[in-house]
Amino acid sequence: MRGTGKLARAFRSEESGATAVEYALIVAGISAVIIVIVGTTGTALNDSLFNKVATALVG
């Protein structure tokens, strides 16, 4: 029974798993923001710049 108590205390004091989860959540949040920005900017860029270039090349 003593070994179980030591194991439980060690498990509670170990924070590397929690830190890894926190970093994963931060990375996921930043990735979501980047995806939204690139999606919005990419569509606007495609509609304006690339279509003008394509029209100039064709015609």
N, C-alpha and C. Protein backbone atom coordinates (compact mmCIF):
# COMPACT_ATOMS: atom_id res chain seq x y z
N MET A 1 0.80 -1.19 0.00
CA MET A 1 0.00 0.00 0.00
C MET A 1 0.86 1.26 0.00
N ARG A 2 2.03 1.19 0.60
CA ARG A 2 2.91 2.36 0.64
C ARG A 2 3.37 2.77 -0.75
N GLY A 3 3.65 1.78 -1.57
CA GLY A 3 4.09 2.08 -2.93
C GLY A 3 3.04 2.83 -3.72
N THR A 4 1.77 2.51 -3.47
CA THR A 4 0.68 3.18 -4.17
C THR A 4 0.61 4.65 -3.76
N GLY A 5 0.81 4.94 -2.50
CA GLY A 5 0.80 6.33 -2.03
C GLY A 5 1.92 7.14 -2.64
N LYS A 6 3.11 6.55 -2.71
CA LYS A 6 4.24 7.24 -3.33
C LYS A 6 3.97 7.49 -4.81
N LEU A 7 3.40 6.49 -5.45
CA LEU A 7 3.09 6.62 -6.87
C LEU A 7 2.05 7.72 -7.10
N ALA A 8 1.04 7.78 -6.23
CA ALA A 8 0.01 8.81 -6.36
C ALA A 8 0.59 10.20 -6.15
N ARG A 9 1.47 10.36 -5.16
CA ARG A 9 2.11 11.66 -4.92
C ARG A 9 2.99 12.06 -6.11
N ALA A 10 3.72 11.11 -6.63
CA ALA A 10 4.58 11.40 -7.78
C ALA A 10 3.75 11.79 -8.99
N PHE A 11 2.62 11.12 -9.17
CA PHE A 11 1.74 11.42 -10.31
C PHE A 11 1.16 12.83 -10.18
N ARG A 12 0.76 13.23 -8.97
CA ARG A 12 0.20 14.56 -8.76
C ARG A 12 1.23 15.66 -8.93
N SER A 13 2.47 15.38 -8.58
CA SER A 13 3.50 16.42 -8.67
C SER A 13 4.11 16.52 -10.07
N GLU A 14 3.90 15.53 -10.89
CA GLU A 14 4.44 15.54 -12.26
C GLU A 14 3.59 16.47 -13.12
N GLU A 15 4.23 17.47 -13.73
CA GLU A 15 3.50 18.46 -14.52
C GLU A 15 3.87 18.45 -16.00
N SER A 16 4.74 17.57 -16.42
CA SER A 16 5.17 17.60 -17.81
C SER A 16 4.03 17.25 -18.76
N GLY A 17 3.14 16.36 -18.35
CA GLY A 17 1.99 16.02 -19.19
C GLY A 17 1.06 17.21 -19.35
N ALA A 18 0.82 17.92 -18.26
CA ALA A 18 -0.04 19.10 -18.32
C ALA A 18 0.59 20.18 -19.19
N THR A 19 1.88 20.34 -19.10
CA THR A 19 2.57 21.34 -19.91
C THR A 19 2.47 20.98 -21.39
N ALA A 20 2.61 19.70 -21.71
CA ALA A 20 2.49 19.27 -23.10
C ALA A 20 1.09 19.55 -23.64
N VAL A 21 0.09 19.30 -22.83
CA VAL A 21 -1.29 19.57 -23.25
C VAL A 21 -1.50 21.07 -23.45
N GLU A 22 -0.95 21.88 -22.57
CA GLU A 22 -1.08 23.33 -22.72
C GLU A 22 -0.42 23.82 -24.00
N TYR A 23 0.76 23.32 -24.29
CA TYR A 23 1.43 23.71 -25.54
C TYR A 23 0.63 23.23 -26.75
N ALA A 24 0.06 22.05 -26.68
CA ALA A 24 -0.75 21.54 -27.79
C ALA A 24 -1.97 22.43 -28.03
N LEU A 25 -2.60 22.89 -26.96
CA LEU A 25 -3.75 23.79 -27.10
C LEU A 25 -3.34 25.13 -27.69
N ILE A 26 -2.19 25.64 -27.29
CA ILE A 26 -1.70 26.90 -27.85
C ILE A 26 -1.42 26.75 -29.34
N VAL A 27 -0.77 25.67 -29.72
CA VAL A 27 -0.46 25.42 -31.13
C VAL A 27 -1.74 25.26 -31.93
N ALA A 28 -2.73 24.56 -31.38
CA ALA A 28 -4.00 24.38 -32.08
C ALA A 28 -4.70 25.72 -32.28
N GLY A 29 -4.67 26.57 -31.28
CA GLY A 29 -5.29 27.89 -31.41
C GLY A 29 -4.61 28.76 -32.45
N ILE A 30 -3.29 28.78 -32.42
CA ILE A 30 -2.54 29.56 -33.40
C ILE A 30 -2.78 29.01 -34.81
N SER A 31 -2.83 27.69 -34.94
CA SER A 31 -3.08 27.08 -36.25
C SER A 31 -4.46 27.46 -36.78
N ALA A 32 -5.45 27.47 -35.91
CA ALA A 32 -6.80 27.85 -36.33
C ALA A 32 -6.84 29.29 -36.83
N VAL A 33 -6.16 30.18 -36.13
CA VAL A 33 -6.10 31.58 -36.54
C VAL A 33 -5.41 31.71 -37.89
N ILE A 34 -4.31 31.01 -38.08
CA ILE A 34 -3.58 31.07 -39.35
C ILE A 34 -4.45 30.54 -40.49
N ILE A 35 -5.17 29.46 -40.25
CA ILE A 35 -6.04 28.89 -41.30
C ILE A 35 -7.12 29.89 -41.70
N VAL A 36 -7.72 30.55 -40.72
CA VAL A 36 -8.76 31.54 -41.03
C VAL A 36 -8.18 32.71 -41.80
N ILE A 37 -7.03 33.22 -41.37
CA ILE A 37 -6.42 34.37 -42.05
C ILE A 37 -6.01 34.01 -43.47
N VAL A 38 -5.38 32.87 -43.64
CA VAL A 38 -4.94 32.46 -44.98
C VAL A 38 -6.14 32.19 -45.88
N GLY A 39 -7.18 31.59 -45.32
CA GLY A 39 -8.39 31.33 -46.11
C GLY A 39 -9.03 32.61 -46.59
N THR A 40 -9.14 33.58 -45.72
CA THR A 40 -9.74 34.86 -46.09
C THR A 40 -8.86 35.64 -47.05
N THR A 41 -7.60 35.75 -46.73
CA THR A 41 -6.67 36.50 -47.57
C THR A 41 -6.44 35.79 -48.90
N GLY A 42 -6.37 34.48 -48.86
CA GLY A 42 -6.15 33.71 -50.08
C GLY A 42 -7.27 33.89 -51.08
N THR A 43 -8.50 33.89 -50.60
CA THR A 43 -9.64 34.08 -51.49
C THR A 43 -9.62 35.48 -52.10
N ALA A 44 -9.36 36.48 -51.29
CA ALA A 44 -9.30 37.85 -51.80
C ALA A 44 -8.15 38.02 -52.79
N LEU A 45 -7.02 37.42 -52.49
CA LEU A 45 -5.86 37.51 -53.37
C LEU A 45 -6.14 36.81 -54.70
N ASN A 46 -6.78 35.67 -54.64
CA ASN A 46 -7.12 34.93 -55.85
C ASN A 46 -8.09 35.73 -56.71
N ASP A 47 -9.07 36.33 -56.08
CA ASP A 47 -10.07 37.09 -56.84
C ASP A 47 -9.48 38.33 -57.48
N SER A 48 -8.53 38.96 -56.85
CA SER A 48 -8.01 40.21 -57.40
C SER A 48 -6.76 40.02 -58.23
N LEU A 49 -5.71 39.56 -57.64
CA LEU A 49 -4.41 39.54 -58.29
C LEU A 49 -4.31 38.45 -59.36
N PHE A 50 -4.60 37.22 -59.00
CA PHE A 50 -4.39 36.12 -59.94
C PHE A 50 -5.32 36.20 -61.14
N ASN A 51 -6.54 36.65 -60.94
CA ASN A 51 -7.45 36.78 -62.08
C ASN A 51 -7.00 37.89 -63.02
N LYS A 52 -6.44 38.97 -62.48
CA LYS A 52 -5.91 40.04 -63.34
C LYS A 52 -4.72 39.55 -64.15
N VAL A 53 -3.85 38.78 -63.51
CA VAL A 53 -2.69 38.23 -64.21
C VAL A 53 -3.14 37.26 -65.29
N ALA A 54 -4.10 36.41 -64.97
CA ALA A 54 -4.59 35.44 -65.95
C ALA A 54 -5.24 36.14 -67.13
N THR A 55 -6.00 37.17 -66.87
CA THR A 55 -6.63 37.94 -67.94
C THR A 55 -5.58 38.62 -68.82
N ALA A 56 -4.55 39.16 -68.21
CA ALA A 56 -3.49 39.83 -68.97
C ALA A 56 -2.72 38.83 -69.82
N LEU A 57 -2.51 37.62 -69.31
CA LEU A 57 -1.78 36.62 -70.08
C LEU A 57 -2.59 36.09 -71.25
N VAL A 58 -3.88 35.93 -71.05
CA VAL A 58 -4.74 35.39 -72.10
C VAL A 58 -5.02 36.43 -73.17
N GLY A 59 -5.26 37.64 -72.73
CA GLY A 59 -5.79 38.54 -73.70
C GLY A 59 -5.09 39.74 -74.08
